PDB file of N, CA and C in Angstrom:
ATOM      1  N   MET A   1     -33.246   7.875   6.545  1.00  0.00           N
ATOM      2  CA  MET A   1     -31.999   8.381   5.971  1.00  0.00           C
ATOM      3  C   MET A   1     -30.820   7.626   6.578  1.00  0.00           C
ATOM      4  N   THR A   2     -29.914   7.227   5.730  1.00  0.00           N
ATOM      5  CA  THR A   2     -28.750   6.463   6.171  1.00  0.00           C
ATOM      6  C   THR A   2     -27.731   7.345   6.881  1.00  0.00           C
ATOM      7  N   THR A   3     -27.023   6.737   7.807  1.00  0.00           N
ATOM      8  CA  THR A   3     -25.942   7.447   8.494  1.00  0.00           C
ATOM      9  C   THR A   3     -24.599   6.771   8.216  1.00  0.00           C
ATOM     10  N   ALA A   4     -24.577   5.873   7.233  1.00  0.00           N
ATOM     11  CA  ALA A   4     -23.347   5.177   6.870  1.00  0.00           C
ATOM     12  C   ALA A   4     -22.395   6.134   6.166  1.00  0.00           C
ATOM     13  N   PRO A   5     -21.079   5.884   6.264  1.00  0.00           N
ATOM     14  CA  PRO A   5     -20.113   6.703   5.520  1.00  0.00           C
ATOM     15  C   PRO A   5     -20.424   6.674   4.031  1.00  0.00           C
ATOM     16  N   VAL A   6     -20.132   7.795   3.355  1.00  0.00           N
ATOM     17  CA  VAL A   6     -20.387   7.886   1.920  1.00  0.00           C
ATOM     18  C   VAL A   6     -19.154   8.408   1.192  1.00  0.00           C
ATOM     19  N   THR A   7     -19.120   8.089  -0.093  1.00  0.00           N
ATOM     20  CA  THR A   7     -18.073   8.575  -0.975  1.00  0.00           C
ATOM     21  C   THR A   7     -18.715   9.515  -1.974  1.00  0.00           C
ATOM     22  N   LEU A   8     -18.098  10.656  -2.178  1.00  0.00           N
ATOM     23  CA  LEU A   8     -18.547  11.633  -3.164  1.00  0.00           C
ATOM     24  C   LEU A   8     -17.501  11.669  -4.271  1.00  0.00           C
ATOM     25  N   VAL A   9     -17.943  11.430  -5.500  1.00  0.00           N
ATOM     26  CA  VAL A   9     -17.052  11.473  -6.652  1.00  0.00           C
ATOM     27  C   VAL A   9     -17.560  12.562  -7.581  1.00  0.00           C
ATOM     28  N   ASN A  10     -16.711  13.538  -7.854  1.00  0.00           N
ATOM     29  CA  ASN A  10     -17.024  14.613  -8.791  1.00  0.00           C
ATOM     30  C   ASN A  10     -16.108  14.466  -9.996  1.00  0.00           C
ATOM     31  N   VAL A  11     -16.701  14.454 -11.167  1.00  0.00           N
ATOM     32  CA  VAL A  11     -15.934  14.413 -12.407  1.00  0.00           C
ATOM     33  C   VAL A  11     -16.078  15.778 -13.063  1.00  0.00           C
ATOM     34  N   LEU A  12     -14.955  16.456 -13.219  1.00  0.00           N
ATOM     35  CA  LEU A  12     -14.943  17.788 -13.818  1.00  0.00           C
ATOM     36  C   LEU A  12     -14.288  17.718 -15.189  1.00  0.00           C
ATOM     37  N   LYS A  13     -15.033  18.055 -16.212  1.00  0.00           N
ATOM     38  CA  LYS A  13     -14.500  18.128 -17.577  1.00  0.00           C
ATOM     39  C   LYS A  13     -13.996  19.548 -17.752  1.00  0.00           C
ATOM     40  N   VAL A  14     -12.693  19.686 -17.868  1.00  0.00           N
ATOM     41  CA  VAL A  14     -12.042  20.990 -17.826  1.00  0.00           C
ATOM     42  C   VAL A  14     -11.840  21.571 -19.225  1.00  0.00           C
ATOM     43  N   GLU A  15     -11.910  22.894 -19.297  1.00  0.00           N
ATOM     44  CA  GLU A  15     -11.645  23.595 -20.551  1.00  0.00           C
ATOM     45  C   GLU A  15     -10.187  23.335 -20.960  1.00  0.00           C
ATOM     46  N   PRO A  16      -9.912  23.227 -22.263  1.00  0.00           N
ATOM     47  CA  PRO A  16      -8.537  22.957 -22.727  1.00  0.00           C
ATOM     48  C   PRO A  16      -7.525  23.949 -22.146  1.00  0.00           C
ATOM     49  N   GLY A  17      -6.418  23.403 -21.650  1.00  0.00           N
ATOM     50  CA  GLY A  17      -5.333  24.225 -21.119  1.00  0.00           C
ATOM     51  C   GLY A  17      -5.565  24.789 -19.729  1.00  0.00           C
ATOM     52  N   LYS A  18      -6.658  24.409 -19.069  1.00  0.00           N
ATOM     53  CA  LYS A  18      -6.975  25.004 -17.766  1.00  0.00           C
ATOM     54  C   LYS A  18      -6.962  23.998 -16.614  1.00  0.00           C
ATOM     55  N   GLN A  19      -6.431  22.800 -16.868  1.00  0.00           N
ATOM     56  CA  GLN A  19      -6.420  21.789 -15.812  1.00  0.00           C
ATOM     57  C   GLN A  19      -5.609  22.246 -14.597  1.00  0.00           C
ATOM     58  N   GLU A  20      -4.428  22.801 -14.818  1.00  0.00           N
ATOM     59  CA  GLU A  20      -3.593  23.243 -13.691  1.00  0.00           C
ATOM     60  C   GLU A  20      -4.270  24.342 -12.885  1.00  0.00           C
ATOM     61  N   GLN A  21      -4.937  25.260 -13.557  1.00  0.00           N
ATOM     62  CA  GLN A  21      -5.660  26.339 -12.882  1.00  0.00           C
ATOM     63  C   GLN A  21      -6.794  25.760 -12.037  1.00  0.00           C
ATOM     64  N   LEU A  22      -7.510  24.781 -12.587  1.00  0.00           N
ATOM     65  CA  LEU A  22      -8.589  24.137 -11.844  1.00  0.00           C
ATOM     66  C   LEU A  22      -8.049  23.396 -10.627  1.00  0.00           C
ATOM     67  N   ILE A  23      -6.964  22.675 -10.791  1.00  0.00           N
ATOM     68  CA  ILE A  23      -6.375  21.941  -9.667  1.00  0.00           C
ATOM     69  C   ILE A  23      -5.955  22.907  -8.558  1.00  0.00           C
ATOM     70  N   ALA A  24      -5.351  24.023  -8.903  1.00  0.00           N
ATOM     71  CA  ALA A  24      -4.960  25.019  -7.903  1.00  0.00           C
ATOM     72  C   ALA A  24      -6.184  25.537  -7.145  1.00  0.00           C
ATOM     73  N   LEU A  25      -7.259  25.796  -7.858  1.00  0.00           N
ATOM     74  CA  LEU A  25      -8.492  26.272  -7.233  1.00  0.00           C
ATOM     75  C   LEU A  25      -9.066  25.204  -6.302  1.00  0.00           C
ATOM     76  N   LEU A  26      -9.083  23.960  -6.747  1.00  0.00           N
ATOM     77  CA  LEU A  26      -9.612  22.877  -5.928  1.00  0.00           C
ATOM     78  C   LEU A  26      -8.759  22.646  -4.680  1.00  0.00           C
ATOM     79  N   LYS A  27      -7.443  22.731  -4.816  1.00  0.00           N
ATOM     80  CA  LYS A  27      -6.564  22.593  -3.649  1.00  0.00           C
ATOM     81  C   LYS A  27      -6.837  23.700  -2.632  1.00  0.00           C
ATOM     82  N   ARG A  28      -6.986  24.920  -3.117  1.00  0.00           N
ATOM     83  CA  ARG A  28      -7.285  26.052  -2.234  1.00  0.00           C
ATOM     84  C   ARG A  28      -8.618  25.822  -1.515  1.00  0.00           C
ATOM     85  N   ASN A  29      -9.618  25.328  -2.234  1.00  0.00           N
ATOM     86  CA  ASN A  29     -10.921  25.048  -1.647  1.00  0.00           C
ATOM     87  C   ASN A  29     -10.824  23.969  -0.569  1.00  0.00           C
ATOM     88  N   ILE A  30     -10.063  22.924  -0.836  1.00  0.00           N
ATOM     89  CA  ILE A  30      -9.907  21.869   0.157  1.00  0.00           C
ATOM     90  C   ILE A  30      -9.217  22.420   1.407  1.00  0.00           C
ATOM     91  N   ASP A  31      -8.166  23.204   1.207  1.00  0.00           N
ATOM     92  CA  ASP A  31      -7.401  23.746   2.334  1.00  0.00           C
ATOM     93  C   ASP A  31      -8.189  24.752   3.170  1.00  0.00           C
ATOM     94  N   THR A  32      -9.000  25.583   2.520  1.00  0.00           N
ATOM     95  CA  THR A  32      -9.667  26.677   3.241  1.00  0.00           C
ATOM     96  C   THR A  32     -11.100  26.382   3.661  1.00  0.00           C
ATOM     97  N   VAL A  33     -11.756  25.441   2.998  1.00  0.00           N
ATOM     98  CA  VAL A  33     -13.162  25.154   3.317  1.00  0.00           C
ATOM     99  C   VAL A  33     -13.360  23.700   3.728  1.00  0.00           C
ATOM    100  N   ILE A  34     -13.088  22.787   2.840  1.00  0.00           N
ATOM    101  CA  ILE A  34     -13.426  21.378   3.057  1.00  0.00           C
ATOM    102  C   ILE A  34     -12.829  20.836   4.356  1.00  0.00           C
ATOM    103  N   ARG A  35     -11.546  21.128   4.601  1.00  0.00           N
ATOM    104  CA  ARG A  35     -10.879  20.625   5.813  1.00  0.00           C
ATOM    105  C   ARG A  35     -11.541  21.110   7.103  1.00  0.00           C
ATOM    106  N   THR A  36     -12.266  22.203   7.043  1.00  0.00           N
ATOM    107  CA  THR A  36     -12.872  22.787   8.243  1.00  0.00           C
ATOM    108  C   THR A  36     -14.262  22.236   8.531  1.00  0.00           C
ATOM    109  N   LEU A  37     -14.811  21.452   7.614  1.00  0.00           N
ATOM    110  CA  LEU A  37     -16.197  21.013   7.741  1.00  0.00           C
ATOM    111  C   LEU A  37     -16.328  19.727   8.543  1.00  0.00           C
ATOM    112  N   GLY A  38     -17.369  19.660   9.345  1.00  0.00           N
ATOM    113  CA  GLY A  38     -17.665  18.460  10.105  1.00  0.00           C
ATOM    114  C   GLY A  38     -18.037  17.322   9.169  1.00  0.00           C
ATOM    115  N   GLY A  39     -17.576  16.130   9.490  1.00  0.00           N
ATOM    116  CA  GLY A  39     -17.938  14.957   8.721  1.00  0.00           C
ATOM    117  C   GLY A  39     -17.015  14.643   7.563  1.00  0.00           C
ATOM    118  N   TRP A  40     -16.073  15.533   7.247  1.00  0.00           N
ATOM    119  CA  TRP A  40     -15.133  15.273   6.150  1.00  0.00           C
ATOM    120  C   TRP A  40     -14.042  14.333   6.647  1.00  0.00           C
ATOM    121  N   ARG A  41     -13.681  13.364   5.818  1.00  0.00           N
ATOM    122  CA  ARG A  41     -12.618  12.418   6.172  1.00  0.00           C
ATOM    123  C   ARG A  41     -11.369  12.597   5.318  1.00  0.00           C
ATOM    124  N   THR A  42     -11.526  12.603   4.010  1.00  0.00           N
ATOM    125  CA  THR A  42     -10.375  12.694   3.117  1.00  0.00           C
ATOM    126  C   THR A  42     -10.820  13.116   1.725  1.00  0.00           C
ATOM    127  N   SER A  43      -9.898  13.694   0.981  1.00  0.00           N
ATOM    128  CA  SER A  43     -10.133  14.032  -0.425  1.00  0.00           C
ATOM    129  C   SER A  43      -8.901  13.697  -1.238  1.00  0.00           C
ATOM    130  N   ARG A  44      -9.136  13.294  -2.480  1.00  0.00           N
ATOM    131  CA  ARG A  44      -8.056  13.046  -3.436  1.00  0.00           C
ATOM    132  C   ARG A  44      -8.418  13.753  -4.733  1.00  0.00           C
ATOM    133  N   LEU A  45      -7.438  14.367  -5.362  1.00  0.00           N
ATOM    134  CA  LEU A  45      -7.620  14.943  -6.691  1.00  0.00           C
ATOM    135  C   LEU A  45      -6.870  14.057  -7.672  1.00  0.00           C
ATOM    136  N   ILE A  46      -7.552  13.684  -8.746  1.00  0.00           N
ATOM    137  CA  ILE A  46      -6.950  12.828  -9.767  1.00  0.00           C
ATOM    138  C   ILE A  46      -6.991  13.586 -11.086  1.00  0.00           C
ATOM    139  N   ALA A  47      -5.827  13.868 -11.650  1.00  0.00           N
ATOM    140  CA  ALA A  47      -5.731  14.624 -12.900  1.00  0.00           C
ATOM    141  C   ALA A  47      -5.567  13.668 -14.073  1.00  0.00           C
ATOM    142  N   ALA A  48      -6.436  13.792 -15.057  1.00  0.00           N
ATOM    143  CA  ALA A  48      -6.310  12.971 -16.262  1.00  0.00           C
ATOM    144  C   ALA A  48      -5.028  13.357 -16.993  1.00  0.00           C
ATOM    145  N   ARG A  49      -4.333  12.381 -17.485  1.00  0.00           N
ATOM    146  CA  ARG A  49      -3.073  12.650 -18.186  1.00  0.00           C
ATOM    147  C   ARG A  49      -3.269  13.481 -19.438  1.00  0.00           C
ATOM    148  N   ASP A  50      -4.450  13.386 -20.056  1.00  0.00           N
ATOM    149  CA  ASP A  50      -4.692  14.159 -21.277  1.00  0.00           C
ATOM    150  C   ASP A  50      -5.114  15.600 -20.995  1.00  0.00           C
ATOM    151  N   GLY A  51      -5.220  15.971 -19.717  1.00  0.00           N
ATOM    152  CA  GLY A  51      -5.556  17.342 -19.335  1.00  0.00           C
ATOM    153  C   GLY A  51      -7.027  17.701 -19.473  1.00  0.00           C
ATOM    154  N   ALA A  52      -7.874  16.726 -19.808  1.00  0.00           N
ATOM    155  CA  ALA A  52      -9.278  17.019 -20.102  1.00  0.00           C
ATOM    156  C   ALA A  52     -10.214  16.901 -18.902  1.00  0.00           C
ATOM    157  N   SER A  53      -9.730  16.357 -17.785  1.00  0.00           N
ATOM    158  CA  SER A  53     -10.617  16.216 -16.638  1.00  0.00           C
ATOM    159  C   SER A  53      -9.842  16.110 -15.332  1.00  0.00           C
ATOM    160  N   VAL A  54     -10.590  16.330 -14.251  1.00  0.00           N
ATOM    161  CA  VAL A  54     -10.081  16.165 -12.895  1.00  0.00           C
ATOM    162  C   VAL A  54     -11.186  15.454 -12.117  1.00  0.00           C
ATOM    163  N   ILE A  55     -10.799  14.475 -11.332  1.00  0.00           N
ATOM    164  CA  ILE A  55     -11.752  13.759 -10.487  1.00  0.00           C
ATOM    165  C   ILE A  55     -11.452  14.116  -9.041  1.00  0.00           C
ATOM    166  N   ILE A  56     -12.508  14.446  -8.313  1.00  0.00           N
ATOM    167  CA  ILE A  56     -12.394  14.654  -6.867  1.00  0.00           C
ATOM    168  C   ILE A  56     -13.037  13.453  -6.198  1.00  0.00           C
ATOM    169  N   TYR A  57     -12.256  12.732  -5.410  1.00  0.00           N
ATOM    170  CA  TYR A  57     -12.750  11.590  -4.657  1.00  0.00           C
ATOM    171  C   TYR A  57     -12.681  11.982  -3.187  1.00  0.00           C
ATOM    172  N   SER A  58     -13.821  12.020  -2.515  1.00  0.00           N
ATOM    173  CA  SER A  58     -13.809  12.390  -1.103  1.00  0.00           C
ATOM    174  C   SER A  58     -14.688  11.454  -0.293  1.00  0.00           C
ATOM    175  N   GLU A  59     -14.312  11.284   0.946  1.00  0.00           N
ATOM    176  CA  GLU A  59     -15.053  10.432   1.869  1.00  0.00           C
ATOM    177  C   GLU A  59     -15.619  11.284   2.989  1.00  0.00           C
ATOM    178  N   TRP A  60     -16.865  10.993   3.346  1.00  0.00           N
ATOM    179  CA  TRP A  60     -17.604  11.742   4.356  1.00  0.00           C
ATOM    180  C   TRP A  60     -18.238  10.779   5.347  1.00  0.00           C
ATOM    181  N   GLU A  61     -18.430  11.232   6.579  1.00  0.00           N
ATOM    182  CA  GLU A  61     -18.973  10.369   7.623  1.00  0.00           C
ATOM    183  C   GLU A  61     -20.408   9.942   7.351  1.00  0.00           C
ATOM    184  N   MET A  62     -21.198  10.816   6.699  1.00  0.00           N
ATOM    185  CA  MET A  62     -22.600  10.502   6.420  1.00  0.00           C
ATOM    186  C   MET A  62     -23.130  11.447   5.341  1.00  0.00           C
ATOM    187  N   PRO A  63     -24.241  11.093   4.705  1.00  0.00           N
ATOM    188  CA  PRO A  63     -24.800  11.950   3.657  1.00  0.00           C
ATOM    189  C   PRO A  63     -25.093  13.383   4.122  1.00  0.00           C
ATOM    190  N   ALA A  64     -25.502  13.549   5.368  1.00  0.00           N
ATOM    191  CA  ALA A  64     -25.806  14.888   5.877  1.00  0.00           C
ATOM    192  C   ALA A  64     -24.575  15.797   5.842  1.00  0.00           C
ATOM    193  N   ALA A  65     -23.387  15.228   6.001  1.00  0.00           N
ATOM    194  CA  ALA A  65     -22.160  16.029   5.939  1.00  0.00           C
ATOM    195  C   ALA A  65     -21.932  16.560   4.528  1.00  0.00           C
ATOM    196  N   VAL A  66     -22.264  15.770   3.508  1.00  0.00           N
ATOM    197  CA  VAL A  66     -22.143  16.220   2.117  1.00  0.00           C
ATOM    198  C   VAL A  66     -23.128  17.352   1.858  1.00  0.00           C
ATOM    199  N   GLU A  67     -24.355  17.185   2.338  1.00  0.00           N
ATOM    200  CA  GLU A  67     -25.365  18.233   2.148  1.00  0.00           C
ATOM    201  C   GLU A  67     -24.967  19.523   2.869  1.00  0.00           C
ATOM    202  N   ALA A  68     -24.402  19.399   4.060  1.00  0.00           N
ATOM    203  CA  ALA A  68     -23.937  20.580   4.799  1.00  0.00           C
ATOM    204  C   ALA A  68     -22.808  21.273   4.044  1.00  0.00           C
ATOM    205  N   MET A  69     -21.908  20.490   3.439  1.00  0.00           N
ATOM    206  CA  MET A  69     -20.821  21.073   2.643  1.00  0.00           C
ATOM    207  C   MET A  69     -21.399  21.865   1.480  1.00  0.00           C
ATOM    208  N   ARG A  70     -22.338  21.276   0.777  1.00  0.00           N
ATOM    209  CA  ARG A  70     -22.929  21.938  -0.386  1.00  0.00           C
ATOM    210  C   ARG A  70     -23.686  23.208  -0.009  1.00  0.00           C
ATOM    211  N   ALA A  71     -24.205  23.255   1.214  1.00  0.00           N
ATOM    212  CA  ALA A  71     -24.967  24.423   1.668  1.00  0.00           C
ATOM    213  C   ALA A  71     -24.086  25.506   2.292  1.00  0.00           C
ATOM    214  N   ASP A  72     -22.849  25.175   2.598  1.00  0.00           N
ATOM    215  CA  ASP A  72     -21.938  26.128   3.245  1.00  0.00           C
ATOM    216  C   ASP A  72     -21.702  27.333   2.335  1.00  0.00           C
ATOM    217  N   VAL A  73     -21.825  28.544   2.876  1.00  0.00           N
ATOM    218  CA  VAL A  73     -21.689  29.762   2.061  1.00  0.00           C
ATOM    219  C   VAL A  73     -20.297  29.887   1.456  1.00  0.00           C
ATOM    220  N   ARG A  74     -19.277  29.419   2.159  1.00  0.00           N
ATOM    221  CA  ARG A  74     -17.919  29.477   1.605  1.00  0.00           C
ATOM    222  C   ARG A  74     -17.788  28.547   0.411  1.00  0.00           C
ATOM    223  N   MET A  75     -18.432  27.392   0.495  1.00  0.00           N
ATOM    224  CA  MET A  75     -18.403  26.446  -0.619  1.00  0.00           C
ATOM    225  C   MET A  75     -19.167  27.019  -1.807  1.00  0.00           C
ATOM    226  N   LYS A  76     -20.318  27.604  -1.523  1.00  0.00           N
ATOM    227  CA  LYS A  76     -21.124  28.196  -2.594  1.00  0.00           C
ATOM    228  C   LYS A  76     -20.348  29.274  -3.348  1.00  0.00           C
ATOM    229  N   ALA A  77     -19.432  29.953  -2.670  1.00  0.00           N
ATOM    230  CA  ALA A  77     -18.619  30.986  -3.318  1.00  0.00           C
ATOM    231  C   ALA A  77     -17.643  30.371  -4.319  1.00  0.00           C
ATOM    232  N   TYR A  78     -17.250  29.115  -4.107  1.00  0.00           N
ATOM    233  CA  TYR A  78     -16.322  28.449  -5.024  1.00  0.00           C
ATOM    234  C   TYR A  78     -17.005  27.906  -6.274  1.00  0.00           C
ATOM    235  N   PHE A  79     -18.284  27.527  -6.173  1.00  0.00           N
ATOM    236  CA  PHE A  79     -18.957  26.895  -7.305  1.00  0.00           C
ATOM    237  C   PHE A  79     -18.874  27.704  -8.600  1.00  0.00           C
ATOM    238  N   PRO A  80     -19.153  29.009  -8.602  1.00  0.00           N
ATOM    239  CA  PRO A  80     -19.051  29.760  -9.865  1.00  0.00           C
ATOM    240  C   PRO A  80     -17.632  29.761 -10.443  1.00  0.00           C
ATOM    241  N   GLN A  81     -16.629  29.831  -9.577  1.00  0.00           N
ATOM    242  CA  GLN A  81     -15.241  29.814 -10.043  1.00  0.00           C
ATOM    243  C   GLN A  81     -14.898  28.470 -10.682  1.00  0.00           C
ATOM    244  N   ILE A  82     -15.387  27.393 -10.071  1.00  0.00           N
ATOM    245  CA  ILE A  82     -15.142  26.050 -10.608  1.00  0.00           C
ATOM    246  C   ILE A  82     -15.838  25.905 -11.954  1.00  0.00           C
ATOM    247  N   LEU A  83     -17.091  26.351 -12.027  1.00  0.00           N
ATOM    248  CA  LEU A  83     -17.876  26.185 -13.255  1.00  0.00           C
ATOM    249  C   LEU A  83     -17.388  27.072 -14.402  1.00  0.00           C
ATOM    250  N   GLU A  84     -16.583  28.089 -14.102  1.00  0.00           N
ATOM    251  CA  GLU A  84     -15.947  28.884 -15.164  1.00  0.00           C
ATOM    252  C   GLU A  84     -14.887  28.057 -15.891  1.00  0.00           C
ATOM    253  N   LEU A  85     -14.333  27.078 -15.213  1.00  0.00           N
ATOM    254  CA  LEU A  85     -13.241  26.275 -15.762  1.00  0.00           C
ATOM    255  C   LEU A  85     -13.678  24.896 -16.239  1.00  0.00           C
ATOM    256  N   ALA A  86     -14.788  24.383 -15.700  1.00  0.00           N
ATOM    257  CA  ALA A  86     -15.145  22.990 -15.982  1.00  0.00           C
ATOM    258  C   ALA A  86     -16.633  22.737 -15.772  1.00  0.00           C
ATOM    259  N   SER A  87     -17.124  21.686 -16.435  1.00  0.00           N
ATOM    260  CA  SER A  87     -18.456  21.180 -16.128  1.00  0.00           C
ATOM    261  C   SER A  87     -18.313  20.156 -15.007  1.00  0.00           C
ATOM    262  N   LEU A  88     -19.402  19.891 -14.311  1.00  0.00           N
ATOM    263  CA  LEU A  88     -19.327  19.052 -13.111  1.00  0.00           C
ATOM    264  C   LEU A  88     -20.424  17.999 -13.111  1.00  0.00           C
ATOM    265  N   GLU A  89     -20.030  16.768 -12.844  1.00  0.00           N
ATOM    266  CA  GLU A  89     -20.984  15.684 -12.610  1.00  0.00           C
ATOM    267  C   GLU A  89     -20.638  15.072 -11.264  1.00  0.00           C
ATOM    268  N   SER A  90     -21.651  14.830 -10.432  1.00  0.00           N
ATOM    269  CA  SER A  90     -21.438  14.392  -9.069  1.00  0.00           C
ATOM    270  C   SER A  90     -22.188  13.091  -8.789  1.00  0.00           C
ATOM    271  N   VAL A  91     -21.532  12.177  -8.050  1.00  0.00           N
ATOM    272  CA  VAL A  91     -22.146  10.907  -7.659  1.00  0.00           C
ATOM    273  C   VAL A  91     -21.844  10.679  -6.177  1.00  0.00           C
ATOM    274  N   ILE A  92     -22.886  10.351  -5.411  1.00  0.00           N
ATOM    275  CA  ILE A  92     -22.720   9.981  -4.007  1.00  0.00           C
ATOM    276  C   ILE A  92     -23.031   8.495  -3.897  1.00  0.00           C
ATOM    277  N   GLY A  93     -22.149   7.749  -3.248  1.00  0.00           N
ATOM    278  CA  GLY A  93     -22.382   6.318  -3.102  1.00  0.00           C
ATOM    279  C   GLY A  93     -21.669   5.760  -1.878  1.00  0.00           C
ATOM    280  N   GLU A  94     -21.782   4.469  -1.731  1.00  0.00           N
ATOM    281  CA  GLU A  94     -21.123   3.763  -0.643  1.00  0.00           C
ATOM    282  C   GLU A  94     -20.103   2.805  -1.235  1.00  0.00           C
ATOM    283  N   VAL A  95     -18.965   2.693  -0.599  1.00  0.00           N
ATOM    284  CA  VAL A  95     -17.930   1.766  -1.061  1.00  0.00           C
ATOM    285  C   VAL A  95     -18.455   0.339  -0.858  1.00  0.00           C
ATOM    286  N   VAL A  96     -18.437  -0.443  -1.929  1.00  0.00           N
ATOM    287  CA  VAL A  96     -18.864  -1.835  -1.841  1.00  0.00           C
ATOM    288  C   VAL A  96     -17.702  -2.807  -1.957  1.00  0.00           C
ATOM    289  N   LEU A  97     -16.535  -2.293  -2.368  1.00  0.00           N
ATOM    290  CA  LEU A  97     -15.319  -3.108  -2.407  1.00  0.00           C
ATOM    291  C   LEU A  97     -14.119  -2.174  -2.330  1.00  0.00           C
ATOM    292  N   SER A  98     -13.199  -2.511  -1.474  1.00  0.00           N
ATOM    293  CA  SER A  98     -11.933  -1.792  -1.383  1.00  0.00           C
ATOM    294  C   SER A  98     -10.850  -2.840  -1.244  1.00  0.00           C
ATOM    295  N   ASP A  99      -9.992  -2.947  -2.245  1.00  0.00           N
ATOM    296  CA  ASP A  99      -8.980  -3.988  -2.272  1.00  0.00           C
ATOM    297  C   ASP A  99      -7.609  -3.348  -2.414  1.00  0.00           C
ATOM    298  N   HIS A 100      -6.696  -3.688  -1.545  1.00  0.00           N
ATOM    299  CA  HIS A 100      -5.347  -3.128  -1.565  1.00  0.00           C
ATOM    300  C   HIS A 100      -4.328  -4.250  -1.564  1.00  0.00           C
ATOM    301  N   SER A 101      -3.216  -3.991  -2.226  1.00  0.00           N
ATOM    302  CA  SER A 101      -2.134  -4.993  -2.175  1.00  0.00           C
ATOM    303  C   SER A 101      -1.001  -4.483  -1.335  1.00  0.00           C
TER     304      SER A 101
END
């Protein structure tokens, strides 16, 4: 099992008119749960201009930290609330290029 840093990307397809509600819920989750977890580095929320989706981009120290987050009882309490507003697709990977100007 790798111990390299990983990036978790979640794409949430949100119900029409509920993007702001979903973003508020995700911000609350980051503030009350994600920030407290070991191995978390950063999170970004990206709102589609058309209101149809939200992307969560987060960086973690290692894959085990992502698994621990998913198993956390506080996190599990958020999943049903999130899924009431949106469908979720998740990808875990490693950054292979990061270019900044």
